[in-house]
N, C-alpha and C. Protein backbone atom coordinates (compact mmCIF):
# COMPACT_ATOMS: atom_id res chain seq x y z
N MET A 1 -20.70 83.64 105.73
CA MET A 1 -20.01 83.02 104.63
C MET A 1 -21.02 82.51 103.64
N THR A 2 -20.74 82.82 102.44
CA THR A 2 -21.63 82.39 101.38
C THR A 2 -21.12 81.10 100.80
N SER A 3 -22.00 80.47 100.14
CA SER A 3 -21.59 79.18 99.58
C SER A 3 -20.59 79.35 98.46
N GLY A 4 -20.56 80.50 97.78
CA GLY A 4 -19.59 80.73 96.70
C GLY A 4 -18.20 80.88 97.24
N THR A 5 -18.04 81.59 98.36
CA THR A 5 -16.72 81.77 98.92
C THR A 5 -16.22 80.48 99.57
N LEU A 6 -17.17 79.75 100.13
CA LEU A 6 -16.79 78.46 100.70
C LEU A 6 -16.31 77.53 99.61
N PHE A 7 -17.03 77.55 98.50
CA PHE A 7 -16.66 76.69 97.39
C PHE A 7 -15.33 77.13 96.81
N SER A 8 -15.11 78.42 96.70
CA SER A 8 -13.86 78.90 96.15
C SER A 8 -12.72 78.63 97.12
N ASN A 9 -12.96 78.68 98.42
CA ASN A 9 -11.92 78.33 99.38
C ASN A 9 -11.58 76.85 99.29
N LYS A 10 -12.57 76.02 99.08
CA LYS A 10 -12.30 74.58 98.91
C LYS A 10 -11.51 74.36 97.64
N ARG A 11 -11.91 75.06 96.60
CA ARG A 11 -11.20 74.92 95.33
C ARG A 11 -9.76 75.41 95.48
N ALA A 12 -9.56 76.48 96.18
CA ALA A 12 -8.22 77.02 96.39
C ALA A 12 -7.38 76.04 97.21
N LYS A 13 -8.03 75.45 98.22
CA LYS A 13 -7.31 74.47 99.04
C LYS A 13 -6.89 73.27 98.19
N TRP A 14 -7.80 72.80 97.35
CA TRP A 14 -7.47 71.66 96.48
C TRP A 14 -6.40 72.06 95.48
N ALA A 15 -6.46 73.24 94.97
CA ALA A 15 -5.46 73.71 94.01
C ALA A 15 -4.10 73.80 94.68
N VAL A 16 -4.06 74.36 95.88
CA VAL A 16 -2.80 74.47 96.61
C VAL A 16 -2.27 73.06 96.93
N ALA A 17 -3.17 72.18 97.37
CA ALA A 17 -2.76 70.81 97.67
C ALA A 17 -2.23 70.12 96.42
N GLY A 18 -2.87 70.33 95.28
CA GLY A 18 -2.40 69.74 94.02
C GLY A 18 -1.05 70.29 93.61
N ILE A 19 -0.87 71.61 93.77
CA ILE A 19 0.42 72.23 93.41
C ILE A 19 1.52 71.69 94.33
N ILE A 20 1.23 71.62 95.62
CA ILE A 20 2.22 71.11 96.57
C ILE A 20 2.55 69.65 96.25
N THR A 21 1.53 68.85 95.97
CA THR A 21 1.76 67.46 95.60
C THR A 21 2.59 67.37 94.33
N GLY A 22 2.27 68.19 93.35
CA GLY A 22 3.04 68.20 92.10
C GLY A 22 4.49 68.59 92.34
N LEU A 23 4.70 69.62 93.19
CA LEU A 23 6.07 70.04 93.50
C LEU A 23 6.84 68.94 94.24
N VAL A 24 6.16 68.29 95.20
CA VAL A 24 6.81 67.19 95.94
C VAL A 24 7.19 66.07 94.98
N LEU A 25 6.26 65.71 94.07
CA LEU A 25 6.56 64.67 93.09
C LEU A 25 7.70 65.09 92.17
N ALA A 26 7.71 66.34 91.74
CA ALA A 26 8.79 66.83 90.87
C ALA A 26 10.13 66.78 91.59
N ILE A 27 10.12 67.25 92.84
CA ILE A 27 11.37 67.21 93.62
C ILE A 27 11.80 65.75 93.83
N TRP A 28 10.86 64.86 94.18
CA TRP A 28 11.19 63.44 94.36
C TRP A 28 11.74 62.86 93.07
N TRP A 29 11.15 63.19 91.95
CA TRP A 29 11.59 62.68 90.65
C TRP A 29 13.03 63.12 90.37
N VAL A 30 13.30 64.42 90.60
CA VAL A 30 14.62 64.96 90.29
C VAL A 30 15.66 64.50 91.30
N ARG A 31 15.31 64.52 92.58
CA ARG A 31 16.30 64.24 93.62
C ARG A 31 16.46 62.76 93.94
N VAL A 32 15.41 61.95 93.86
CA VAL A 32 15.46 60.56 94.30
C VAL A 32 15.34 59.59 93.13
N TYR A 33 14.23 59.63 92.42
CA TYR A 33 13.95 58.62 91.40
C TYR A 33 14.93 58.69 90.23
N GLY A 34 15.23 59.88 89.74
CA GLY A 34 16.15 60.02 88.60
C GLY A 34 17.53 59.44 88.89
N PRO A 35 18.16 59.86 90.01
CA PRO A 35 19.47 59.28 90.32
C PRO A 35 19.41 57.77 90.57
N MET A 36 18.33 57.30 91.21
CA MET A 36 18.21 55.85 91.44
C MET A 36 18.07 55.10 90.12
N LYS A 37 17.31 55.69 89.21
CA LYS A 37 17.13 55.06 87.90
C LYS A 37 18.45 55.02 87.14
N ALA A 38 19.22 56.11 87.19
CA ALA A 38 20.52 56.15 86.53
C ALA A 38 21.48 55.14 87.18
N GLU A 39 21.45 55.08 88.51
CA GLU A 39 22.31 54.13 89.21
C GLU A 39 21.92 52.69 88.88
N LEU A 40 20.62 52.43 88.80
CA LEU A 40 20.13 51.11 88.43
C LEU A 40 20.58 50.73 87.03
N LYS A 41 20.53 51.69 86.11
CA LYS A 41 20.98 51.45 84.74
C LYS A 41 22.48 51.15 84.72
N ASP A 42 23.26 51.93 85.50
CA ASP A 42 24.70 51.68 85.60
C ASP A 42 24.98 50.29 86.17
N MET A 43 24.22 49.91 87.20
CA MET A 43 24.40 48.58 87.79
C MET A 43 24.05 47.48 86.80
N ASP A 44 23.03 47.71 86.02
CA ASP A 44 22.63 46.73 85.00
C ASP A 44 23.74 46.58 83.96
N ILE A 45 24.35 47.69 83.55
CA ILE A 45 25.46 47.64 82.60
C ILE A 45 26.64 46.90 83.21
N ARG A 46 26.96 47.22 84.48
CA ARG A 46 28.07 46.53 85.15
C ARG A 46 27.80 45.04 85.32
N LEU A 47 26.54 44.69 85.61
CA LEU A 47 26.16 43.28 85.74
C LEU A 47 26.36 42.55 84.41
N THR A 48 25.97 43.18 83.31
CA THR A 48 26.16 42.58 81.99
C THR A 48 27.65 42.40 81.70
N GLU A 49 28.45 43.43 82.00
CA GLU A 49 29.90 43.34 81.79
C GLU A 49 30.50 42.22 82.63
N MET A 50 30.08 42.14 83.89
CA MET A 50 30.61 41.10 84.78
C MET A 50 30.19 39.71 84.31
N SER A 51 28.97 39.58 83.81
CA SER A 51 28.51 38.29 83.30
C SER A 51 29.34 37.86 82.10
N MET A 52 29.64 38.82 81.21
CA MET A 52 30.47 38.50 80.05
C MET A 52 31.89 38.14 80.49
N LYS A 53 32.41 38.88 81.47
CA LYS A 53 33.75 38.59 81.98
C LYS A 53 33.77 37.21 82.64
N GLN A 54 32.71 36.88 83.38
CA GLN A 54 32.62 35.57 84.02
C GLN A 54 32.60 34.46 82.97
N ALA A 55 31.86 34.66 81.89
CA ALA A 55 31.81 33.65 80.83
C ALA A 55 33.18 33.47 80.19
N ARG A 56 33.89 34.59 79.95
CA ARG A 56 35.25 34.50 79.39
C ARG A 56 36.19 33.76 80.34
N LEU A 57 36.08 34.08 81.63
CA LEU A 57 36.95 33.42 82.61
C LEU A 57 36.64 31.93 82.72
N LYS A 58 35.37 31.56 82.63
CA LYS A 58 35.01 30.13 82.65
C LYS A 58 35.63 29.41 81.47
N LYS A 59 35.56 30.03 80.28
CA LYS A 59 36.17 29.42 79.10
C LYS A 59 37.68 29.31 79.27
N LYS A 60 38.29 30.34 79.84
CA LYS A 60 39.73 30.32 80.06
C LYS A 60 40.10 29.22 81.07
N ILE A 61 39.29 29.07 82.12
CA ILE A 61 39.53 28.01 83.10
C ILE A 61 39.43 26.64 82.44
N GLN A 62 38.44 26.46 81.57
CA GLN A 62 38.29 25.18 80.87
C GLN A 62 39.51 24.91 79.99
N ARG A 63 39.96 25.94 79.25
CA ARG A 63 41.14 25.76 78.39
C ARG A 63 42.37 25.42 79.23
N LEU A 64 42.56 26.16 80.32
CA LEU A 64 43.73 25.91 81.16
C LEU A 64 43.64 24.55 81.85
N SER A 65 42.45 24.15 82.26
CA SER A 65 42.27 22.82 82.86
C SER A 65 42.63 21.74 81.86
N GLN A 66 42.21 21.92 80.62
CA GLN A 66 42.54 20.95 79.57
C GLN A 66 44.05 20.91 79.34
N LYS A 67 44.69 22.08 79.32
CA LYS A 67 46.15 22.12 79.14
C LYS A 67 46.86 21.45 80.30
N ILE A 68 46.37 21.67 81.52
CA ILE A 68 46.97 21.02 82.69
C ILE A 68 46.81 19.51 82.59
N LYS A 69 45.63 19.07 82.19
CA LYS A 69 45.38 17.63 82.04
C LYS A 69 46.32 17.04 80.99
N GLU A 70 46.48 17.75 79.86
CA GLU A 70 47.38 17.27 78.82
C GLU A 70 48.83 17.26 79.30
N ALA A 71 49.22 18.29 80.05
CA ALA A 71 50.59 18.36 80.57
C ALA A 71 50.85 17.23 81.56
N ARG A 72 49.87 16.93 82.40
CA ARG A 72 50.04 15.82 83.35
C ARG A 72 50.15 14.49 82.63
N ALA A 73 49.33 14.31 81.60
CA ALA A 73 49.39 13.07 80.82
C ALA A 73 50.75 12.96 80.13
N LYS A 74 51.23 14.08 79.59
CA LYS A 74 52.54 14.08 78.92
C LYS A 74 53.65 13.77 79.93
N ALA A 75 53.56 14.37 81.12
CA ALA A 75 54.58 14.12 82.15
C ALA A 75 54.55 12.65 82.59
N ALA A 76 53.36 12.09 82.75
CA ALA A 76 53.25 10.68 83.12
C ALA A 76 53.83 9.79 82.02
N ARG A 77 53.55 10.15 80.78
CA ARG A 77 54.08 9.39 79.64
C ARG A 77 55.60 9.47 79.61
N GLN A 78 56.15 10.67 79.86
CA GLN A 78 57.60 10.82 79.89
C GLN A 78 58.21 10.02 81.03
N GLN A 79 57.55 9.97 82.18
CA GLN A 79 58.05 9.17 83.29
C GLN A 79 58.06 7.69 82.94
N ARG A 80 56.99 7.22 82.25
CA ARG A 80 56.96 5.82 81.81
C ARG A 80 58.11 5.56 80.85
N ILE A 81 58.36 6.49 79.94
CA ILE A 81 59.44 6.33 78.97
C ILE A 81 60.78 6.27 79.69
N ILE A 82 60.99 7.17 80.65
CA ILE A 82 62.25 7.19 81.39
C ILE A 82 62.44 5.89 82.15
N ARG A 83 61.37 5.41 82.83
CA ARG A 83 61.48 4.14 83.57
C ARG A 83 61.80 3.00 82.62
N MET A 84 61.13 2.99 81.46
CA MET A 84 61.35 1.91 80.51
C MET A 84 62.76 1.98 79.92
N LEU A 85 63.23 3.20 79.64
CA LEU A 85 64.59 3.34 79.12
C LEU A 85 65.63 2.89 80.14
N GLU A 86 65.36 3.17 81.41
CA GLU A 86 66.29 2.72 82.46
C GLU A 86 66.33 1.20 82.52
N LEU A 87 65.19 0.57 82.27
CA LEU A 87 65.13 -0.89 82.30
C LEU A 87 65.65 -1.52 81.01
N ALA A 88 65.46 -0.84 79.88
CA ALA A 88 65.75 -1.43 78.56
C ALA A 88 67.16 -1.06 78.09
N LYS A 89 68.16 -1.72 78.66
CA LYS A 89 69.55 -1.48 78.26
C LYS A 89 70.00 -2.46 77.19
N ASP A 90 69.30 -3.58 77.05
CA ASP A 90 69.61 -4.56 76.00
C ASP A 90 68.30 -5.24 75.59
N ALA A 91 68.38 -6.15 74.61
CA ALA A 91 67.17 -6.78 74.07
C ALA A 91 66.43 -7.57 75.15
N GLU A 92 67.16 -8.28 76.00
CA GLU A 92 66.51 -9.09 77.02
C GLU A 92 65.75 -8.23 78.03
N SER A 93 66.40 -7.16 78.50
CA SER A 93 65.71 -6.30 79.48
C SER A 93 64.57 -5.53 78.83
N ALA A 94 64.71 -5.16 77.55
CA ALA A 94 63.62 -4.48 76.83
C ALA A 94 62.43 -5.42 76.69
N ASN A 95 62.70 -6.68 76.33
CA ASN A 95 61.61 -7.65 76.22
C ASN A 95 60.95 -7.91 77.57
N ALA A 96 61.76 -7.98 78.62
CA ALA A 96 61.21 -8.21 79.96
C ALA A 96 60.30 -7.04 80.37
N ALA A 97 60.74 -5.82 80.07
CA ALA A 97 59.92 -4.65 80.42
C ALA A 97 58.62 -4.64 79.62
N ALA A 98 58.71 -4.92 78.31
CA ALA A 98 57.51 -4.95 77.46
C ALA A 98 56.57 -6.07 77.92
N GLN A 99 57.15 -7.22 78.23
CA GLN A 99 56.34 -8.36 78.69
C GLN A 99 55.62 -8.00 79.98
N ALA A 100 56.30 -7.36 80.91
CA ALA A 100 55.67 -6.99 82.18
C ALA A 100 54.51 -6.02 81.96
N VAL A 101 54.72 -5.02 81.11
CA VAL A 101 53.67 -4.04 80.84
C VAL A 101 52.46 -4.71 80.19
N ILE A 102 52.71 -5.52 79.17
CA ILE A 102 51.61 -6.13 78.42
C ILE A 102 50.90 -7.18 79.27
N GLN A 103 51.66 -8.02 79.98
CA GLN A 103 51.01 -9.04 80.81
C GLN A 103 50.18 -8.40 81.92
N ASP A 104 50.69 -7.35 82.53
CA ASP A 104 49.93 -6.65 83.56
C ASP A 104 48.62 -6.11 82.97
N PHE A 105 48.71 -5.53 81.79
CA PHE A 105 47.50 -5.01 81.14
C PHE A 105 46.51 -6.13 80.82
N LEU A 106 47.03 -7.24 80.28
CA LEU A 106 46.14 -8.35 79.93
C LEU A 106 45.43 -8.89 81.17
N GLU A 107 46.17 -9.04 82.27
CA GLU A 107 45.57 -9.57 83.50
C GLU A 107 44.52 -8.63 84.06
N THR A 108 44.81 -7.34 84.10
CA THR A 108 43.85 -6.39 84.69
C THR A 108 42.61 -6.22 83.82
N ASN A 109 42.69 -6.54 82.54
CA ASN A 109 41.54 -6.38 81.65
C ASN A 109 40.88 -7.70 81.29
N GLY A 110 41.26 -8.78 81.96
CA GLY A 110 40.60 -10.07 81.76
C GLY A 110 40.84 -10.69 80.39
N ILE A 111 41.98 -10.42 79.79
CA ILE A 111 42.33 -10.98 78.49
C ILE A 111 43.19 -12.21 78.72
N THR A 112 42.85 -13.31 78.04
CA THR A 112 43.53 -14.59 78.25
C THR A 112 44.79 -14.66 77.41
N LEU A 113 45.94 -14.71 78.08
CA LEU A 113 47.22 -14.87 77.38
C LEU A 113 47.45 -16.35 77.14
N ILE A 114 47.64 -16.72 75.87
CA ILE A 114 47.87 -18.12 75.52
C ILE A 114 49.37 -18.42 75.56
N SER A 115 50.16 -17.56 74.91
CA SER A 115 51.61 -17.76 74.91
C SER A 115 52.31 -16.47 74.52
N TYR A 116 53.60 -16.45 74.82
CA TYR A 116 54.45 -15.35 74.36
C TYR A 116 55.84 -15.91 74.14
N ARG A 117 56.58 -15.27 73.24
CA ARG A 117 57.95 -15.72 72.99
C ARG A 117 58.77 -14.56 72.45
N GLU A 118 60.08 -14.65 72.69
CA GLU A 118 60.99 -13.65 72.14
C GLU A 118 61.28 -13.97 70.69
N VAL A 119 61.41 -12.94 69.89
CA VAL A 119 61.76 -13.06 68.48
C VAL A 119 63.08 -12.32 68.31
N SER A 120 63.84 -12.67 67.28
CA SER A 120 65.16 -12.05 67.10
C SER A 120 65.06 -10.53 67.03
N ALA A 121 66.04 -9.89 67.66
CA ALA A 121 66.07 -8.42 67.72
C ALA A 121 66.44 -7.85 66.36
N GLY A 122 66.07 -6.61 66.15
CA GLY A 122 66.38 -5.92 64.91
C GLY A 122 66.92 -4.53 65.19
N LYS A 123 66.90 -3.67 64.16
CA LYS A 123 67.39 -2.30 64.32
C LYS A 123 66.39 -1.33 63.74
N TRP A 124 66.37 -0.14 64.31
CA TRP A 124 65.65 0.99 63.75
C TRP A 124 66.63 2.15 63.80
N GLU A 125 67.03 2.63 62.63
CA GLU A 125 68.10 3.60 62.50
C GLU A 125 69.32 3.04 63.23
N ASP A 126 69.83 3.74 64.25
CA ASP A 126 71.00 3.23 64.98
C ASP A 126 70.62 2.59 66.31
N TYR A 127 69.35 2.37 66.55
CA TYR A 127 68.88 1.84 67.82
C TYR A 127 68.46 0.39 67.68
N GLY A 128 68.59 -0.33 68.78
CA GLY A 128 68.14 -1.71 68.79
C GLY A 128 66.65 -1.81 69.05
N VAL A 129 66.03 -2.83 68.45
CA VAL A 129 64.61 -3.08 68.67
C VAL A 129 64.45 -4.53 69.08
N ALA A 130 64.02 -4.74 70.33
CA ALA A 130 63.73 -6.09 70.82
C ALA A 130 62.31 -6.44 70.39
N ARG A 131 62.08 -7.72 70.09
CA ARG A 131 60.76 -8.13 69.60
C ARG A 131 60.22 -9.30 70.40
N MET A 132 58.90 -9.27 70.61
CA MET A 132 58.20 -10.37 71.27
C MET A 132 56.88 -10.61 70.55
N GLU A 133 56.45 -11.87 70.56
CA GLU A 133 55.14 -12.21 70.01
C GLU A 133 54.24 -12.66 71.16
N PHE A 134 53.04 -12.15 71.14
CA PHE A 134 52.03 -12.51 72.14
C PHE A 134 50.85 -13.13 71.42
N ARG A 135 50.35 -14.24 71.96
CA ARG A 135 49.15 -14.88 71.42
C ARG A 135 48.13 -14.87 72.57
N PHE A 136 46.93 -14.32 72.28
CA PHE A 136 45.92 -14.21 73.33
C PHE A 136 44.52 -14.23 72.74
N LYS A 137 43.53 -14.46 73.64
CA LYS A 137 42.11 -14.43 73.28
C LYS A 137 41.48 -13.20 73.92
N THR A 138 40.62 -12.53 73.16
CA THR A 138 39.95 -11.35 73.69
C THR A 138 38.72 -11.03 72.84
N ASN A 139 38.10 -9.92 73.14
CA ASN A 139 37.02 -9.40 72.30
C ASN A 139 37.50 -8.09 71.66
N THR A 140 36.67 -7.48 70.86
CA THR A 140 37.11 -6.26 70.15
C THR A 140 37.42 -5.13 71.12
N ALA A 141 36.66 -5.03 72.20
CA ALA A 141 36.92 -3.96 73.18
C ALA A 141 38.28 -4.15 73.85
N GLY A 142 38.60 -5.39 74.22
CA GLY A 142 39.89 -5.67 74.84
C GLY A 142 41.05 -5.39 73.90
N LEU A 143 40.89 -5.78 72.64
CA LEU A 143 41.93 -5.52 71.64
C LEU A 143 42.11 -4.02 71.44
N ALA A 144 41.01 -3.29 71.39
CA ALA A 144 41.08 -1.83 71.21
C ALA A 144 41.81 -1.18 72.38
N LYS A 145 41.54 -1.63 73.62
CA LYS A 145 42.22 -1.07 74.79
C LYS A 145 43.72 -1.35 74.73
N LEU A 146 44.09 -2.57 74.33
CA LEU A 146 45.51 -2.92 74.24
C LEU A 146 46.20 -2.09 73.17
N LEU A 147 45.57 -1.93 72.03
CA LEU A 147 46.16 -1.12 70.96
C LEU A 147 46.30 0.34 71.40
N LYS A 148 45.35 0.83 72.19
CA LYS A 148 45.44 2.20 72.72
C LYS A 148 46.62 2.32 73.67
N LEU A 149 46.82 1.31 74.51
CA LEU A 149 47.97 1.30 75.41
C LEU A 149 49.27 1.39 74.62
N LEU A 150 49.37 0.57 73.58
CA LEU A 150 50.59 0.56 72.77
C LEU A 150 50.74 1.85 71.99
N GLN A 151 49.64 2.44 71.56
CA GLN A 151 49.71 3.72 70.85
C GLN A 151 50.22 4.81 71.79
N ASP A 152 49.78 4.78 73.03
CA ASP A 152 50.21 5.79 74.00
C ASP A 152 51.68 5.65 74.35
N SER A 153 52.25 4.46 74.19
CA SER A 153 53.67 4.26 74.48
C SER A 153 54.46 4.09 73.19
N LYS A 154 54.00 4.74 72.12
CA LYS A 154 54.59 4.53 70.80
C LYS A 154 56.05 4.95 70.71
N ASP A 155 56.54 5.73 71.65
CA ASP A 155 57.93 6.11 71.61
C ASP A 155 58.85 4.94 71.91
N LEU A 156 58.35 3.94 72.63
CA LEU A 156 59.18 2.80 73.00
C LEU A 156 58.66 1.47 72.47
N MET A 157 57.35 1.28 72.48
CA MET A 157 56.77 0.02 72.01
C MET A 157 55.85 0.31 70.83
N ARG A 158 55.88 -0.60 69.87
CA ARG A 158 54.97 -0.45 68.74
C ARG A 158 54.56 -1.83 68.25
N VAL A 159 53.40 -1.88 67.62
CA VAL A 159 52.93 -3.12 67.03
C VAL A 159 53.60 -3.26 65.68
N GLU A 160 54.35 -4.35 65.50
CA GLU A 160 55.01 -4.58 64.22
C GLU A 160 54.16 -5.44 63.30
N SER A 161 53.41 -6.36 63.87
CA SER A 161 52.47 -7.14 63.07
C SER A 161 51.31 -7.56 63.96
N LEU A 162 50.16 -7.75 63.31
CA LEU A 162 48.96 -8.10 64.05
C LEU A 162 48.11 -9.00 63.18
N THR A 163 47.82 -10.19 63.69
CA THR A 163 46.95 -11.14 62.99
C THR A 163 45.77 -11.43 63.90
N VAL A 164 44.57 -11.20 63.38
CA VAL A 164 43.36 -11.39 64.18
C VAL A 164 42.47 -12.41 63.48
N SER A 165 42.05 -13.43 64.23
CA SER A 165 41.14 -14.45 63.70
C SER A 165 39.89 -14.48 64.57
N TYR A 166 38.74 -14.56 63.91
CA TYR A 166 37.47 -14.65 64.64
C TYR A 166 37.03 -16.10 64.66
N ARG A 167 36.67 -16.59 65.83
CA ARG A 167 36.20 -17.98 65.97
C ARG A 167 34.75 -17.96 66.40
N ARG A 168 33.93 -18.65 65.63
CA ARG A 168 32.53 -18.79 66.01
C ARG A 168 32.39 -20.01 66.91
N GLY A 169 31.37 -20.02 67.68
CA GLY A 169 31.12 -21.19 68.52
C GLY A 169 30.87 -20.79 69.95
N ARG A 170 31.10 -21.76 70.82
CA ARG A 170 30.83 -21.53 72.24
C ARG A 170 31.64 -20.38 72.80
N GLU A 171 32.90 -20.40 72.55
CA GLU A 171 33.78 -19.36 73.07
C GLU A 171 34.09 -18.37 71.96
N ALA A 172 33.05 -17.71 71.48
CA ALA A 172 33.24 -16.74 70.40
C ALA A 172 34.17 -15.64 70.88
N GLY A 173 35.01 -15.20 70.02
CA GLY A 173 35.95 -14.14 70.36
C GLY A 173 37.04 -14.05 69.33
N LEU A 174 38.04 -13.28 69.65
CA LEU A 174 39.15 -13.07 68.74
C LEU A 174 40.38 -13.81 69.23
N GLN A 175 41.06 -14.47 68.29
CA GLN A 175 42.38 -15.04 68.56
C GLN A 175 43.37 -14.06 67.93
N VAL A 176 44.30 -13.57 68.71
CA VAL A 176 45.20 -12.52 68.24
C VAL A 176 46.65 -12.97 68.37
N LEU A 177 47.41 -12.74 67.30
CA LEU A 177 48.86 -12.92 67.32
C LEU A 177 49.45 -11.55 67.04
N MET A 178 50.20 -11.03 68.00
CA MET A 178 50.72 -9.67 67.89
C MET A 178 52.21 -9.66 68.15
N ARG A 179 52.95 -9.05 67.24
CA ARG A 179 54.40 -8.87 67.43
C ARG A 179 54.63 -7.43 67.86
N VAL A 180 55.34 -7.28 68.98
CA VAL A 180 55.61 -5.96 69.54
C VAL A 180 57.11 -5.72 69.50
N GLY A 181 57.49 -4.55 69.00
CA GLY A 181 58.89 -4.14 69.00
C GLY A 181 59.12 -3.12 70.11
N THR A 182 60.23 -3.29 70.84
CA THR A 182 60.55 -2.39 71.95
C THR A 182 61.92 -1.78 71.71
N LEU A 183 61.99 -0.47 71.76
CA LEU A 183 63.24 0.26 71.53
C LEU A 183 64.15 0.11 72.75
N PHE A 184 65.45 -0.11 72.50
CA PHE A 184 66.40 -0.12 73.60
C PHE A 184 67.69 0.54 73.15
N PHE A 185 68.46 1.02 74.13
CA PHE A 185 69.70 1.72 73.85
C PHE A 185 70.86 0.93 74.41
N LYS A 186 71.80 0.62 73.54
CA LYS A 186 73.01 -0.06 74.01
C LYS A 186 73.88 0.97 74.72
N ALA A 187 74.69 0.52 75.64
CA ALA A 187 75.55 1.44 76.38
C ALA A 187 76.42 2.25 75.42
N GLY A 188 76.43 3.56 75.60
CA GLY A 188 77.23 4.44 74.76
C GLY A 188 76.56 4.82 73.46
N ASN A 189 75.40 4.26 73.14
CA ASN A 189 74.70 4.57 71.89
C ASN A 189 73.81 5.79 72.12
N THR A 190 74.04 6.82 71.35
CA THR A 190 73.22 8.02 71.47
C THR A 190 72.44 8.28 70.21
N GLY A 191 72.39 7.33 69.33
CA GLY A 191 71.64 7.52 68.08
C GLY A 191 72.52 8.10 67.01
N LYS A 192 71.94 8.83 66.09
CA LYS A 192 72.69 9.41 64.96
C LYS A 192 73.63 10.47 65.41
């Protein structure tokens, strides 16, 4: 064997090995890597679609949760109205119901009730309106909470007049005189 044939046999072996390696890589590329790459791309697209769908569903859940919360608040408000209407058949019972609600609120919020009294009843359209005056001491936060309570029950109770005085000194705070009107239905009265 001459060194030229040995060298050419080595070269041929390397050439054959390179061709075989190239063919194996080409077959791997076509049969394995290409389909995996396409599948990976499809999965990436599906992941993006699912992420967008998840974001939409989260927003929908938030909207529906808010609607449920509002519906529950509305139902609770309607139940309060129904209970109050059942109690408020005349001016005295309407005043008693309003007094109970307001006094309970004042006590639970640490507001000092000085006095309360009934005022002559009036009318709103064809309905009776019982009236009470409350005099109490509080701060601005307490007054705001009370006004919010009355605003939430505006179908039955409303503030007819409000006088607020600020006193400086040791017991700084607000002196409040508030007249509250409470709607009541006389027996057989259905309004207009």
